[in-house]
Amino acid sequence: MDGTLFGYSEAQVAQFGLTFGVGAFILYMLFIVLNLARESKAGKFGTFVLFLVLSLGILGFVAKNVIQWVLGL
């Protein structure tokens, strides 16, 4: 074994999994927040607050990736 998977290094596979795996998880979390807003009959403002507060972690993850891309890390 030379440390590759289908011609990709371990670091490339990990980066792919992190980017798309966490991206899929974020979409699933947004679906959960939307479902929570519907079941609780939160209304427009309540739904907005739920998305705002519960989605701040997503903003942090996206900001980290943007900062890494800008700095070239």
Protein backbone atom coordinates (compact mmCIF):
# COMPACT_ATOMS: atom_id res chain seq x y z
CA MET A 1 0.00 0.00 0.00
CA ASP A 2 1.24 3.47 -0.85
CA GLY A 3 -1.25 5.46 1.26
CA THR A 4 -3.67 6.30 -1.54
CA LEU A 5 -7.30 5.50 -2.19
CA PHE A 6 -8.26 5.44 -5.87
CA GLY A 7 -5.26 7.65 -6.59
CA TYR A 8 -6.10 10.24 -3.94
CA SER A 9 -4.02 10.85 -0.82
CA GLU A 10 -5.45 10.44 2.64
CA ALA A 11 -5.49 14.22 3.10
CA GLN A 12 -7.47 14.70 -0.13
CA VAL A 13 -10.03 12.07 0.89
CA ALA A 14 -10.35 13.64 4.36
CA GLN A 15 -10.83 17.13 2.88
CA PHE A 16 -13.47 15.81 0.48
CA GLY A 17 -15.30 14.06 3.32
CA LEU A 18 -15.11 17.12 5.53
CA THR A 19 -16.38 19.48 2.83
CA PHE A 20 -19.22 17.39 1.44
CA GLY A 21 -20.01 15.35 4.55
CA VAL A 22 -20.36 18.40 6.77
CA GLY A 23 -22.19 20.22 3.96
CA ALA A 24 -24.75 17.42 3.80
CA PHE A 25 -25.04 17.46 7.60
CA ILE A 26 -25.65 21.23 7.51
CA LEU A 27 -28.47 20.78 4.98
CA TYR A 28 -29.98 18.11 7.21
CA MET A 29 -29.77 20.43 10.21
CA LEU A 30 -31.57 23.17 8.25
CA PHE A 31 -34.30 20.66 7.43
CA ILE A 32 -34.60 19.82 11.14
CA VAL A 33 -34.89 23.53 12.05
CA LEU A 34 -37.57 24.03 9.39
CA ASN A 35 -39.47 20.98 10.66
CA LEU A 36 -39.18 22.26 14.24
CA ALA A 37 -40.56 25.65 13.19
CA ARG A 38 -43.51 24.01 11.42
CA GLU A 39 -44.38 21.64 14.27
CA SER A 40 -44.21 24.39 16.88
CA LYS A 41 -46.29 26.75 14.71
CA ALA A 42 -43.69 29.44 15.29
CA GLY A 43 -44.95 31.85 12.64
CA LYS A 44 -42.76 33.94 10.36
CA PHE A 45 -40.87 35.81 13.06
CA GLY A 46 -40.39 32.68 15.20
CA THR A 47 -39.09 30.77 12.20
CA PHE A 48 -36.69 33.61 11.45
CA VAL A 49 -35.41 33.58 15.04
CA LEU A 50 -34.99 29.79 14.99
CA PHE A 51 -32.98 29.92 11.78
CA LEU A 52 -30.92 32.87 13.01
CA VAL A 53 -30.00 31.42 16.39
CA LEU A 54 -29.64 27.76 15.47
CA SER A 55 -27.71 28.49 12.28
CA LEU A 56 -24.91 30.60 13.79
CA GLY A 57 -22.73 27.49 14.02
CA ILE A 58 -23.13 26.99 10.29
CA LEU A 59 -22.00 30.57 9.73
CA GLY A 60 -18.87 29.86 11.78
CA PHE A 61 -18.04 26.78 9.72
CA VAL A 62 -18.51 28.66 6.44
CA ALA A 63 -16.47 31.62 7.72
CA LYS A 64 -13.61 29.26 8.68
CA ASN A 65 -13.52 27.82 5.16
CA VAL A 66 -13.66 31.28 3.55
CA ILE A 67 -10.83 32.55 5.77
CA GLN A 68 -8.72 29.48 4.93
CA TRP A 69 -9.39 30.02 1.22
CA VAL A 70 -8.52 33.74 1.37
CA LEU A 71 -5.29 33.09 3.30
CA GLY A 72 -4.42 30.13 1.10
CA LEU A 73 -4.04 27.67 3.97
